[in-house]
C-alpha atoms as a PDB file:
ATOM      1  CA  MET A   1      -2.308  77.643  -8.293  1.00  0.00           C
ATOM      2  CA  GLY A   2      -1.920  74.711 -10.664  1.00  0.00           C
ATOM      3  CA  LEU A   3       1.253  73.356 -12.203  1.00  0.00           C
ATOM      4  CA  PHE A   4       3.260  75.656 -14.519  1.00  0.00           C
ATOM      5  CA  GLY A   5       1.406  78.718 -13.196  1.00  0.00           C
ATOM      6  CA  LYS A   6      -1.964  77.643 -14.583  1.00  0.00           C
ATOM      7  CA  LYS A   7      -4.855  78.786 -12.397  1.00  0.00           C
ATOM      8  CA  ASP A   8      -7.066  76.048 -10.994  1.00  0.00           C
ATOM      9  CA  LYS A   9     -10.822  76.208 -11.266  1.00  0.00           C
ATOM     10  CA  LEU A  10     -12.690  77.328  -8.179  1.00  0.00           C
ATOM     11  CA  GLN A  11     -14.981  75.296  -5.966  1.00  0.00           C
ATOM     12  CA  ILE A  12     -17.125  75.725  -2.883  1.00  0.00           C
ATOM     13  CA  ILE A  13     -17.311  72.820  -0.444  1.00  0.00           C
ATOM     14  CA  ALA A  14     -20.591  73.139   1.467  1.00  0.00           C
ATOM     15  CA  PHE A  15     -20.233  71.184   4.701  1.00  0.00           C
ATOM     16  CA  GLN A  16     -23.344  69.253   5.723  1.00  0.00           C
ATOM     17  CA  SER A  17     -24.715  71.131   8.703  1.00  0.00           C
ATOM     18  CA  TYR A  18     -27.852  71.185  10.853  1.00  0.00           C
ATOM     19  CA  GLY A  19     -30.624  73.587  11.846  1.00  0.00           C
ATOM     20  CA  THR A  20     -34.251  73.825  12.924  1.00  0.00           C
ATOM     21  CA  ASP A  21     -37.592  74.788  11.418  1.00  0.00           C
ATOM     22  CA  SER A  22     -36.787  78.431  12.257  1.00  0.00           C
ATOM     23  CA  HIS A  23     -32.983  78.520  12.152  1.00  0.00           C
ATOM     24  CA  PHE A  24     -30.919  78.121   8.979  1.00  0.00           C
ATOM     25  CA  TYR A  25     -27.220  77.482   9.619  1.00  0.00           C
ATOM     26  CA  ALA A  26     -24.796  76.599   6.840  1.00  0.00           C
ATOM     27  CA  ARG A  27     -21.041  76.677   6.579  1.00  0.00           C
ATOM     28  CA  GLY A  28     -18.384  75.683   4.112  1.00  0.00           C
ATOM     29  CA  ARG A  29     -15.171  76.731   2.428  1.00  0.00           C
ATOM     30  CA  ALA A  30     -14.166  78.358  -0.856  1.00  0.00           C
ATOM     31  CA  LEU A  31     -11.059  76.839  -2.436  1.00  0.00           C
ATOM     32  CA  GLU A  32      -9.242  76.321  -5.664  1.00  0.00           C
ATOM     33  CA  ASP A  33     -10.393  73.008  -7.110  1.00  0.00           C
ATOM     34  CA  GLU A  34      -7.453  70.608  -6.879  1.00  0.00           C
ATOM     35  CA  GLU A  35      -9.581  67.941  -8.619  1.00  0.00           C
ATOM     36  CA  ILE A  36      -8.966  65.313  -5.951  1.00  0.00           C
ATOM     37  CA  ASP A  37     -10.441  62.000  -7.048  1.00  0.00           C
ATOM     38  CA  LEU A  38     -10.747  59.763  -3.987  1.00  0.00           C
ATOM     39  CA  SER A  39     -11.626  56.723  -6.097  1.00  0.00           C
ATOM     40  CA  ARG A  40      -8.409  56.737  -8.168  1.00  0.00           C
ATOM     41  CA  LYS A  41      -5.979  53.921  -7.408  1.00  0.00           C
ATOM     42  CA  GLY A  42      -2.196  53.849  -7.313  1.00  0.00           C
ATOM     43  CA  PHE A  43       0.392  54.979  -4.762  1.00  0.00           C
ATOM     44  CA  ILE A  44       1.370  58.142  -6.667  1.00  0.00           C
ATOM     45  CA  ASN A  45      -2.273  59.291  -6.848  1.00  0.00           C
ATOM     46  CA  LEU A  46      -2.645  58.571  -3.132  1.00  0.00           C
ATOM     47  CA  ILE A  47       0.394  60.658  -2.159  1.00  0.00           C
ATOM     48  CA  TRP A  48      -0.621  63.473  -4.515  1.00  0.00           C
ATOM     49  CA  ASN A  49      -4.175  63.559  -3.152  1.00  0.00           C
ATOM     50  CA  SER A  50      -2.892  63.577   0.441  1.00  0.00           C
ATOM     51  CA  TYR A  51      -0.629  66.525  -0.373  1.00  0.00           C
ATOM     52  CA  LYS A  52      -3.451  68.440  -2.081  1.00  0.00           C
ATOM     53  CA  ARG A  53      -5.840  67.914   0.858  1.00  0.00           C
ATOM     54  CA  PHE A  54      -3.531  69.862   3.153  1.00  0.00           C
ATOM     55  CA  GLU A  55      -1.927  72.272   0.684  1.00  0.00           C
ATOM     56  CA  THR A  56      -5.143  74.219   0.086  1.00  0.00           C
ATOM     57  CA  ASP A  57      -5.441  77.502  -1.804  1.00  0.00           C
ATOM     58  CA  GLU A  58      -8.264  79.340  -0.047  1.00  0.00           C
ATOM     59  CA  ILE A  59     -10.373  81.991  -1.762  1.00  0.00           C
ATOM     60  CA  ARG A  60     -10.193  84.607   0.972  1.00  0.00           C
ATOM     61  CA  ASN A  61     -12.453  87.582   1.748  1.00  0.00           C
ATOM     62  CA  THR A  62     -14.647  86.887  -1.271  1.00  0.00           C
ATOM     63  CA  PRO A  63     -18.433  87.389  -1.597  1.00  0.00           C
ATOM     64  CA  VAL A  64     -20.468  84.190  -1.877  1.00  0.00           C
ATOM     65  CA  ARG A  65     -24.194  83.736  -2.424  1.00  0.00           C
ATOM     66  CA  LEU A  66     -26.550  81.131  -1.005  1.00  0.00           C
ATOM     67  CA  LYS A  67     -29.782  80.319  -2.826  1.00  0.00           C
ATOM     68  CA  LEU A  68     -32.610  78.625  -0.955  1.00  0.00           C
ATOM     69  CA  GLY A  69     -35.518  77.399  -3.051  1.00  0.00           C
ATOM     70  CA  ASN A  70     -36.747  79.695  -5.814  1.00  0.00           C
ATOM     71  CA  SER A  71     -37.256  82.843  -3.799  1.00  0.00           C
ATOM     72  CA  LYS A  72     -34.634  83.351  -1.075  1.00  0.00           C
ATOM     73  CA  SER A  73     -30.979  84.225  -1.501  1.00  0.00           C
ATOM     74  CA  PHE A  74     -28.348  85.577   0.900  1.00  0.00           C
ATOM     75  CA  THR A  75     -24.926  87.078   0.348  1.00  0.00           C
ATOM     76  CA  GLY A  76     -22.002  86.536   2.699  1.00  0.00           C
ATOM     77  CA  LYS A  77     -18.226  86.648   2.621  1.00  0.00           C
ATOM     78  CA  THR A  78     -15.417  84.184   3.194  1.00  0.00           C
ATOM     79  CA  ASP A  79     -12.919  84.905   5.937  1.00  0.00           C
ATOM     80  CA  GLY A  80      -9.116  84.947   5.795  1.00  0.00           C
ATOM     81  CA  ARG A  81      -9.017  81.140   5.573  1.00  0.00           C
ATOM     82  CA  GLY A  82     -11.761  80.752   2.984  1.00  0.00           C
ATOM     83  CA  TYR A  83     -14.520  79.709   5.412  1.00  0.00           C
ATOM     84  CA  TYR A  84     -18.036  81.158   5.354  1.00  0.00           C
ATOM     85  CA  ILE A  85     -21.059  80.908   7.654  1.00  0.00           C
ATOM     86  CA  PHE A  86     -24.717  81.701   6.982  1.00  0.00           C
ATOM     87  CA  ASP A  87     -26.699  82.016  10.206  1.00  0.00           C
ATOM     88  CA  GLU A  88     -30.252  83.139   9.405  1.00  0.00           C
ATOM     89  CA  PRO A  89     -33.525  83.191  11.372  1.00  0.00           C
ATOM     90  CA  LEU A  90     -36.161  81.891   8.943  1.00  0.00           C
ATOM     91  CA  GLU A  91     -39.572  80.253   9.159  1.00  0.00           C
ATOM     92  CA  ASN A  92     -41.145  77.000   7.961  1.00  0.00           C
ATOM     93  CA  LEU A  93     -37.880  75.437   6.802  1.00  0.00           C
ATOM     94  CA  ARG A  94     -39.109  71.912   7.476  1.00  0.00           C
ATOM     95  CA  GLN A  95     -41.556  72.141   4.588  1.00  0.00           C
ATOM     96  CA  LEU A  96     -38.529  72.345   2.266  1.00  0.00           C
ATOM     97  CA  THR A  97     -36.972  69.092   3.554  1.00  0.00           C
ATOM     98  CA  ASN A  98     -37.275  65.543   2.278  1.00  0.00           C
ATOM     99  CA  GLU A  99     -38.642  62.703   4.435  1.00  0.00           C
ATOM    100  CA  GLU A 100     -35.238  62.210   6.071  1.00  0.00           C
ATOM    101  CA  GLY A 101     -35.052  65.876   7.045  1.00  0.00           C
ATOM    102  CA  TRP A 102     -32.509  67.084   4.466  1.00  0.00           C
ATOM    103  CA  LEU A 103     -32.919  70.569   3.004  1.00  0.00           C
ATOM    104  CA  SER A 104     -31.068  71.324  -0.247  1.00  0.00           C
ATOM    105  CA  TYR A 105     -29.603  74.694  -1.196  1.00  0.00           C
ATOM    106  CA  GLU A 106     -27.070  76.066  -3.646  1.00  0.00           C
ATOM    107  CA  MET A 107     -23.846  78.050  -3.232  1.00  0.00           C
ATOM    108  CA  ALA A 108     -22.149  80.322  -5.768  1.00  0.00           C
ATOM    109  CA  TYR A 109     -19.427  82.933  -6.010  1.00  0.00           C
ATOM    110  CA  ALA A 110     -20.983  86.413  -5.993  1.00  0.00           C
ATOM    111  CA  ASN A 111     -17.907  88.199  -7.329  1.00  0.00           C
ATOM    112  CA  SER A 112     -18.141  88.627 -11.099  1.00  0.00           C
ATOM    113  CA  ASP A 113     -14.477  89.748 -11.192  1.00  0.00           C
ATOM    114  CA  LEU A 114     -13.366  86.149 -10.596  1.00  0.00           C
ATOM    115  CA  ARG A 115     -12.891  85.443 -14.285  1.00  0.00           C
ATOM    116  CA  ARG A 116     -12.053  81.766 -14.140  1.00  0.00           C
ATOM    117  CA  GLU A 117     -13.619  78.708 -15.675  1.00  0.00           C
ATOM    118  CA  VAL A 118     -15.720  78.347 -12.534  1.00  0.00           C
ATOM    119  CA  LEU A 119     -18.138  81.055 -13.614  1.00  0.00           C
ATOM    120  CA  HIS A 120     -19.720  78.915 -16.328  1.00  0.00           C
ATOM    121  CA  GLN A 121     -20.321  76.249 -13.644  1.00  0.00           C
ATOM    122  CA  ASN A 122     -20.899  78.544 -10.676  1.00  0.00           C
ATOM    123  CA  ARG A 123     -23.281  76.246  -8.769  1.00  0.00           C
ATOM    124  CA  PHE A 124     -22.302  74.105  -5.798  1.00  0.00           C
ATOM    125  CA  PRO A 125     -24.840  71.949  -3.914  1.00  0.00           C
ATOM    126  CA  GLY A 126     -25.256  72.017  -0.140  1.00  0.00           C
ATOM    127  CA  GLU A 127     -27.453  70.221   2.381  1.00  0.00           C
ATOM    128  CA  LEU A 128     -28.728  71.048   5.846  1.00  0.00           C
ATOM    129  CA  LEU A 129     -30.309  68.561   8.263  1.00  0.00           C
ATOM    130  CA  ILE A 130     -33.479  69.495  10.134  1.00  0.00           C
ATOM    131  CA  PRO A 131     -34.386  66.363  12.113  1.00  0.00           C
ATOM    132  CA  SER A 132     -37.609  64.793  10.930  1.00  0.00           C
ATOM    133  CA  GLU A 133     -40.658  64.914  13.177  1.00  0.00           C
ATOM    134  CA  LYS A 134     -40.470  61.101  13.049  1.00  0.00           C
ATOM    135  CA  ALA A 135     -37.186  61.208  14.994  1.00  0.00           C
ATOM    136  CA  ARG A 136     -37.406  59.802  18.533  1.00  0.00           C
ATOM    137  CA  PHE A 137     -33.767  60.436  19.487  1.00  0.00           C
ATOM    138  CA  GLY A 138     -30.477  61.533  17.978  1.00  0.00           C
ATOM    139  CA  VAL A 139     -27.028  59.924  17.880  1.00  0.00           C
ATOM    140  CA  ILE A 140     -23.745  61.802  18.309  1.00  0.00           C
ATOM    141  CA  SER A 141     -20.736  59.699  17.388  1.00  0.00           C
ATOM    142  CA  ASP A 142     -17.001  60.121  17.372  1.00  0.00           C
ATOM    143  CA  ILE A 143     -15.253  58.902  14.209  1.00  0.00           C
ATOM    144  CA  ASP A 144     -11.666  58.070  15.186  1.00  0.00           C
ATOM    145  CA  ASP A 145     -11.372  54.493  16.515  1.00  0.00           C
ATOM    146  CA  THR A 146     -15.137  54.461  17.074  1.00  0.00           C
ATOM    147  CA  ILE A 147     -16.190  53.671  13.517  1.00  0.00           C
ATOM    148  CA  LEU A 148     -12.850  54.021  11.697  1.00  0.00           C
ATOM    149  CA  HIS A 149      -9.526  52.387  12.604  1.00  0.00           C
ATOM    150  CA  THR A 150      -7.087  55.274  13.078  1.00  0.00           C
ATOM    151  CA  GLY A 151      -4.524  54.001  15.589  1.00  0.00           C
ATOM    152  CA  VAL A 152      -5.162  56.946  17.898  1.00  0.00           C
ATOM    153  CA  VAL A 153      -3.886  54.930  20.872  1.00  0.00           C
ATOM    154  CA  SER A 154      -0.607  53.965  19.160  1.00  0.00           C
ATOM    155  CA  SER A 155       2.663  55.361  20.478  1.00  0.00           C
ATOM    156  CA  LEU A 156       3.529  58.773  19.044  1.00  0.00           C
ATOM    157  CA  LYS A 157       0.320  58.563  16.934  1.00  0.00           C
ATOM    158  CA  TRP A 158       2.362  57.256  13.969  1.00  0.00           C
ATOM    159  CA  ARG A 159      -0.522  55.060  12.842  1.00  0.00           C
ATOM    160  CA  VAL A 160      -2.867  58.060  12.651  1.00  0.00           C
ATOM    161  CA  VAL A 161      -0.455  59.804  10.283  1.00  0.00           C
ATOM    162  CA  PHE A 162       0.163  56.653   8.242  1.00  0.00           C
ATOM    163  CA  ASN A 163      -3.526  55.756   7.907  1.00  0.00           C
ATOM    164  CA  THR A 164      -4.562  59.298   7.005  1.00  0.00           C
ATOM    165  CA  LEU A 165      -1.845  59.965   4.434  1.00  0.00           C
ATOM    166  CA  PHE A 166      -1.101  56.538   2.993  1.00  0.00           C
ATOM    167  CA  LYS A 167      -4.479  54.791   2.825  1.00  0.00           C
ATOM    168  CA  ARG A 168      -7.267  55.558   0.381  1.00  0.00           C
ATOM    169  CA  ALA A 169     -10.653  56.244   1.968  1.00  0.00           C
ATOM    170  CA  SER A 170     -12.053  53.273   0.038  1.00  0.00           C
ATOM    171  CA  LYS A 171      -9.462  50.980   1.669  1.00  0.00           C
ATOM    172  CA  ARG A 172      -9.963  52.209   5.238  1.00  0.00           C
ATOM    173  CA  THR A 173     -11.603  49.580   7.414  1.00  0.00           C
ATOM    174  CA  PRO A 174     -14.723  50.422   9.407  1.00  0.00           C
ATOM    175  CA  LEU A 175     -14.953  48.729  12.786  1.00  0.00           C
ATOM    176  CA  GLU A 176     -16.886  45.493  12.380  1.00  0.00           C
ATOM    177  CA  GLY A 177     -20.659  45.892  12.553  1.00  0.00           C
ATOM    178  CA  ALA A 178     -20.534  49.648  13.065  1.00  0.00           C
ATOM    179  CA  ALA A 179     -22.460  50.560   9.890  1.00  0.00           C
ATOM    180  CA  GLU A 180     -25.189  48.032  10.759  1.00  0.00           C
ATOM    181  CA  PHE A 181     -25.478  49.408  14.321  1.00  0.00           C
ATOM    182  CA  TYR A 182     -25.762  53.002  13.111  1.00  0.00           C
ATOM    183  CA  SER A 183     -28.329  52.069  10.471  1.00  0.00           C
ATOM    184  CA  LEU A 184     -30.437  50.331  13.132  1.00  0.00           C
ATOM    185  CA  LEU A 185     -30.200  53.399  15.382  1.00  0.00           C
ATOM    186  CA  HIS A 186     -31.170  55.636  12.466  1.00  0.00           C
ATOM    187  CA  ARG A 187     -34.326  53.576  11.853  1.00  0.00           C
ATOM    188  CA  GLY A 188     -35.018  53.309  15.602  1.00  0.00           C
ATOM    189  CA  GLY A 189     -37.241  51.116  17.709  1.00  0.00           C
ATOM    190  CA  SER A 190     -40.094  51.128  15.202  1.00  0.00           C
ATOM    191  CA  GLY A 191     -37.866  50.606  12.176  1.00  0.00           C
ATOM    192  CA  GLN A 192     -39.592  53.618  10.558  1.00  0.00           C
ATOM    193  CA  GLU A 193     -37.900  56.503  12.343  1.00  0.00           C
ATOM    194  CA  ALA A 194     -35.406  58.942  10.844  1.00  0.00           C
ATOM    195  CA  ASN A 195     -33.198  59.515  13.873  1.00  0.00           C
ATOM    196  CA  PRO A 196     -30.414  61.997  13.039  1.00  0.00           C
ATOM    197  CA  ILE A 197     -26.772  60.882  13.219  1.00  0.00           C
ATOM    198  CA  PHE A 198     -24.095  63.505  13.911  1.00  0.00           C
ATOM    199  CA  TYR A 199     -20.432  62.611  13.316  1.00  0.00           C
ATOM    200  CA  VAL A 200     -17.838  64.564  15.318  1.00  0.00           C
ATOM    201  CA  SER A 201     -14.068  64.358  15.083  1.00  0.00           C
ATOM    202  CA  HIS A 202     -10.921  66.158  16.143  1.00  0.00           C
ATOM    203  CA  SER A 203      -9.764  65.952  12.502  1.00  0.00           C
ATOM    204  CA  PRO A 204      -9.370  69.199  10.498  1.00  0.00           C
ATOM    205  CA  TRP A 205     -11.861  70.346   7.845  1.00  0.00           C
ATOM    206  CA  ASN A 206      -9.242  69.426   5.217  1.00  0.00           C
ATOM    207  CA  LEU A 207     -10.356  65.795   5.713  1.00  0.00           C
ATOM    208  CA  TYR A 208     -14.068  66.532   5.228  1.00  0.00           C
ATOM    209  CA  ARG A 209     -14.366  65.036   1.712  1.00  0.00           C
ATOM    210  CA  TYR A 210     -12.185  62.067   2.714  1.00  0.00           C
ATOM    211  CA  LEU A 211     -14.400  61.214   5.708  1.00  0.00           C
ATOM    212  CA  GLU A 212     -17.600  61.878   3.759  1.00  0.00           C
ATOM    213  CA  TYR A 213     -16.442  59.419   1.088  1.00  0.00           C
ATOM    214  CA  PHE A 214     -15.523  56.818   3.721  1.00  0.00           C
ATOM    215  CA  LEU A 215     -18.969  57.013   5.353  1.00  0.00           C
ATOM    216  CA  GLN A 216     -20.765  56.780   2.001  1.00  0.00           C
ATOM    217  CA  LYS A 217     -18.585  53.915   0.760  1.00  0.00           C
ATOM    218  CA  ASN A 218     -19.266  51.876   3.902  1.00  0.00           C
ATOM    219  CA  ASN A 219     -23.034  52.521   4.018  1.00  0.00           C
ATOM    220  CA  PHE A 220     -23.191  54.603   7.178  1.00  0.00           C
ATOM    221  CA  PRO A 221     -26.328  56.751   7.512  1.00  0.00           C
ATOM    222  CA  LYS A 222     -25.850  60.257   6.130  1.00  0.00           C
ATOM    223  CA  GLY A 223     -25.349  62.914   8.763  1.00  0.00           C
ATOM    224  CA  PRO A 224     -23.536  66.194   9.437  1.00  0.00           C
ATOM    225  CA  ILE A 225     -19.763  65.745   9.744  1.00  0.00           C
ATOM    226  CA  LEU A 226     -18.404  68.213  12.293  1.00  0.00           C
ATOM    227  CA  LEU A 227     -14.647  68.813  12.287  1.00  0.00           C
ATOM    228  CA  ARG A 228     -12.351  71.645  13.403  1.00  0.00           C
ATOM    229  CA  ASN A 229     -10.128  74.362  12.006  1.00  0.00           C
ATOM    230  CA  PHE A 230      -6.390  73.838  12.050  1.00  0.00           C
ATOM    231  CA  PRO A 231      -5.053  75.765  15.086  1.00  0.00           C
ATOM    232  CA  ARG A 232      -3.162  78.903  14.136  1.00  0.00           C
ATOM    233  CA  LEU A 233       0.591  78.733  14.656  1.00  0.00           C
ATOM    234  CA  GLY A 234       1.632  80.341  17.909  1.00  0.00           C
ATOM    235  CA  LEU A 235      -1.966  80.708  19.142  1.00  0.00           C
ATOM    236  CA  ARG A 236      -2.319  79.026  22.509  1.00  0.00           C
ATOM    237  CA  LYS A 237      -5.516  77.525  23.748  1.00  0.00           C
ATOM    238  CA  LYS A 238      -7.178  79.573  26.481  1.00  0.00           C
ATOM    239  CA  GLN A 239      -7.004  78.091  29.943  1.00  0.00           C
ATOM    240  CA  GLY A 240     -10.105  76.014  30.643  1.00  0.00           C
ATOM    241  CA  GLU A 241     -11.268  76.171  27.007  1.00  0.00           C
ATOM    242  CA  LYS A 242     -13.205  73.063  25.967  1.00  0.00           C
ATOM    243  CA  PRO A 243     -12.173  70.910  22.968  1.00  0.00           C
ATOM    244  CA  GLN A 244     -13.956  71.772  19.717  1.00  0.00           C
ATOM    245  CA  LYS A 245     -15.614  68.342  19.710  1.00  0.00           C
ATOM    246  CA  GLN A 246     -17.175  69.081  23.098  1.00  0.00           C
ATOM    247  CA  LYS A 247     -18.386  72.505  21.943  1.00  0.00           C
ATOM    248  CA  GLU A 248     -20.060  70.923  18.901  1.00  0.00           C
ATOM    249  CA  ILE A 249     -21.864  68.327  21.031  1.00  0.00           C
ATOM    250  CA  LEU A 250     -23.099  70.965  23.476  1.00  0.00           C
ATOM    251  CA  ASN A 251     -24.358  73.075  20.585  1.00  0.00           C
ATOM    252  CA  ILE A 252     -26.324  70.114  19.175  1.00  0.00           C
ATOM    253  CA  LEU A 253     -27.961  69.529  22.574  1.00  0.00           C
ATOM    254  CA  LYS A 254     -28.881  73.210  22.869  1.00  0.00           C
ATOM    255  CA  THR A 255     -30.238  73.249  19.312  1.00  0.00           C
ATOM    256  CA  TYR A 256     -32.589  70.322  20.006  1.00  0.00           C
ATOM    257  CA  PRO A 257     -33.552  70.628  23.706  1.00  0.00           C
ATOM    258  CA  SER A 258     -36.575  68.319  23.376  1.00  0.00           C
ATOM    259  CA  LEU A 259     -34.598  65.501  21.678  1.00  0.00           C
ATOM    260  CA  LYS A 260     -32.787  62.818  23.656  1.00  0.00           C
ATOM    261  CA  PHE A 261     -29.373  61.587  22.475  1.00  0.00           C
ATOM    262  CA  ILE A 262     -27.133  58.539  22.508  1.00  0.00           C
ATOM    263  CA  LEU A 263     -23.393  59.299  22.664  1.00  0.00           C
ATOM    264  CA  ILE A 264     -20.946  56.873  21.022  1.00  0.00           C
ATOM    265  CA  GLY A 265     -17.160  57.029  21.344  1.00  0.00           C
ATOM    266  CA  ASP A 266     -14.120  55.002  22.304  1.00  0.00           C
ATOM    267  CA  SER A 267     -12.019  54.461  25.413  1.00  0.00           C
ATOM    268  CA  GLY A 268      -8.757  55.535  23.784  1.00  0.00           C
ATOM    269  CA  GLU A 269      -8.538  59.280  24.310  1.00  0.00           C
ATOM    270  CA  TYR A 270     -10.942  61.661  26.052  1.00  0.00           C
ATOM    271  CA  ASP A 271     -14.416  60.688  24.827  1.00  0.00           C
ATOM    272  CA  ALA A 272     -15.192  59.175  28.232  1.00  0.00           C
ATOM    273  CA  ASP A 273     -14.328  62.396  30.078  1.00  0.00           C
ATOM    274  CA  ILE A 274     -16.179  64.611  27.590  1.00  0.00           C
ATOM    275  CA  TYR A 275     -19.299  62.438  27.530  1.00  0.00           C
ATOM    276  CA  LYS A 276     -19.397  62.096  31.335  1.00  0.00           C
ATOM    277  CA  GLU A 277     -19.209  65.865  31.764  1.00  0.00           C
ATOM    278  CA  ILE A 278     -21.903  66.435  29.135  1.00  0.00           C
ATOM    279  CA  ALA A 279     -24.239  63.837  30.655  1.00  0.00           C
ATOM    280  CA  GLU A 280     -23.873  65.486  34.072  1.00  0.00           C
ATOM    281  CA  LEU A 281     -24.785  68.847  32.535  1.00  0.00           C
ATOM    282  CA  TYR A 282     -27.715  67.441  30.514  1.00  0.00           C
ATOM    283  CA  PRO A 283     -28.849  64.312  32.417  1.00  0.00           C
ATOM    284  CA  ASN A 284     -32.361  64.400  30.962  1.00  0.00           C
ATOM    285  CA  GLN A 285     -31.119  64.520  27.368  1.00  0.00           C
ATOM    286  CA  ILE A 286     -28.580  61.697  27.345  1.00  0.00           C
ATOM    287  CA  SER A 287     -30.225  58.260  27.116  1.00  0.00           C
ATOM    288  CA  ALA A 288     -27.054  56.149  26.923  1.00  0.00           C
ATOM    289  CA  ILE A 289     -23.293  56.260  26.379  1.00  0.00           C
ATOM    290  CA  TYR A 290     -21.514  53.537  24.373  1.00  0.00           C
ATOM    291  CA  LEU A 291     -17.717  53.419  24.585  1.00  0.00           C
ATOM    292  CA  ARG A 292     -15.835  51.010  22.365  1.00  0.00           C
ATOM    293  CA  SER A 293     -12.971  49.228  24.125  1.00  0.00           C
ATOM    294  CA  VAL A 294      -9.428  49.719  22.813  1.00  0.00           C
ATOM    295  CA  ALA A 295      -6.377  47.456  22.993  1.00  0.00           C
ATOM    296  CA  HIS A 296      -4.654  49.472  25.689  1.00  0.00           C
ATOM    297  CA  LYS A 297      -4.814  48.109  29.246  1.00  0.00           C
ATOM    298  CA  ARG A 298      -3.951  51.330  31.094  1.00  0.00           C
ATOM    299  CA  LYS A 299      -6.485  53.410  29.159  1.00  0.00           C
ATOM    300  CA  MET A 300      -9.215  50.820  29.717  1.00  0.00           C
ATOM    301  CA  GLU A 301      -8.491  50.723  33.449  1.00  0.00           C
ATOM    302  CA  ARG A 302      -8.732  54.517  33.621  1.00  0.00           C
ATOM    303  CA  VAL A 303     -12.102  54.614  31.824  1.00  0.00           C
ATOM    304  CA  SER A 304     -13.511  51.744  33.903  1.00  0.00           C
ATOM    305  CA  GLY A 305     -12.497  53.616  37.052  1.00  0.00           C
ATOM    306  CA  LEU A 306     -14.069  56.814  35.753  1.00  0.00           C
ATOM    307  CA  PHE A 307     -17.504  55.183  35.601  1.00  0.00           C
ATOM    308  CA  GLU A 308     -17.161  52.830  38.573  1.00  0.00           C
ATOM    309  CA  THR A 309     -19.619  54.757  40.784  1.00  0.00           C
ATOM    310  CA  TYR A 310     -21.303  56.729  37.979  1.00  0.00           C
ATOM    311  CA  LYS A 311     -25.100  56.451  37.970  1.00  0.00           C
ATOM    312  CA  THR A 312     -26.317  59.471  35.974  1.00  0.00           C
ATOM    313  CA  THR A 313     -26.637  57.764  32.570  1.00  0.00           C
ATOM    314  CA  PRO A 314     -26.394  54.127  31.423  1.00  0.00           C
ATOM    315  CA  VAL A 315     -22.810  53.542  30.221  1.00  0.00           C
ATOM    316  CA  LEU A 316     -21.700  50.446  28.314  1.00  0.00           C
ATOM    317  CA  LEU A 317     -18.081  49.569  27.511  1.00  0.00           C
ATOM    318  CA  VAL A 318     -18.366  47.326  24.462  1.00  0.00           C
ATOM    319  CA  GLU A 319     -15.938  44.940  22.790  1.00  0.00           C
ATOM    320  CA  SER A 320     -18.058  44.690  19.643  1.00  0.00           C
ATOM    321  CA  SER A 321     -20.944  46.311  17.785  1.00  0.00           C
ATOM    322  CA  GLU A 322     -23.006  43.185  18.496  1.00  0.00           C
ATOM    323  CA  GLN A 323     -22.831  43.884  22.247  1.00  0.00           C
ATOM    324  CA  ALA A 324     -24.059  47.429  21.622  1.00  0.00           C
ATOM    325  CA  ILE A 325     -26.902  46.168  19.397  1.00  0.00           C
ATOM    326  CA  VAL A 326     -28.060  43.720  22.093  1.00  0.00           C
ATOM    327  CA  HIS A 327     -28.123  46.510  24.699  1.00  0.00           C
ATOM    328  CA  ALA A 328     -29.841  48.948  22.320  1.00  0.00           C
ATOM    329  CA  ARG A 329     -32.482  46.337  21.444  1.00  0.00           C
ATOM    330  CA  LYS A 330     -33.140  45.601  25.124  1.00  0.00           C
ATOM    331  CA  ASN A 331     -33.682  49.332  25.733  1.00  0.00           C
ATOM    332  CA  GLY A 332     -35.974  49.801  22.725  1.00  0.00           C
ATOM    333  CA  PHE A 333     -33.552  51.969  20.731  1.00  0.00           C
ATOM    334  CA  VAL A 334     -33.514  49.553  17.776  1.00  0.00           C
ATOM    335  CA  VAL A 335     -35.696  46.834  16.321  1.00  0.00           C
END
């Protein structure tokens, strides 16, 4: 609801997802359009945008329609938090993609009773990645303190909160050389490949547009951004349940069983543990693990010890993107 009781327009945010030639999978969220402009300057705009990102007005339990090409359309429904999923077995989807593997589709509200201004502009673009046949491997990368300074290793995580709420996406600093490294990996050892890049984070879906803007602004290769739902209040995690980030990575590996992957993370939190466990489960699919060093002696000692006798997959603890590029070049991952 807008100021003074005025109803906001509606929007559908289609999250960039991934699928195969025979499996269409798309998800997103239906919300009131708070008209967040990430490029606007000024402290007041920054605070207001940060508030609006988390104070969302979901369009719950509402029919939505997905249109694919000129002939196929599907109807689904948002859940109690405004999210929707389309999971459809289809054929020959790759013929609808561009040379990078992106398939375009369109979302719309299917409920004609929603008499708001949205219905004269009831078209919202979405994209799905089906890795190109030119791809030789894929890359799965963490975001926090791997390509974006977040302060995740700071005491009480105060820097994470400060950076997320009080810094514009355009002013956030990517780790030096990261965009170049990812672009080289995307183009691969021949320089002509279209290797898919998947970005995973423990951040909530409320930050999707913020992170998407950051990646675009800093020239990172386009790729699905995979986040998580805010945990429900009072709902405890089941014993032994894996983190959402780990579930997403495992799902990517299962989706593309014939594609090898490079995992990229940092040594600050639990990337090392997650990646080690995944590589032991899928030793033939993981070609290398790159872990960026963090300025925290105890955490670095723990990660170094974790891989001291580990031989399953090549693991490199790197101080800089240049070190990673040298290793990747030596192993034929990049030109």
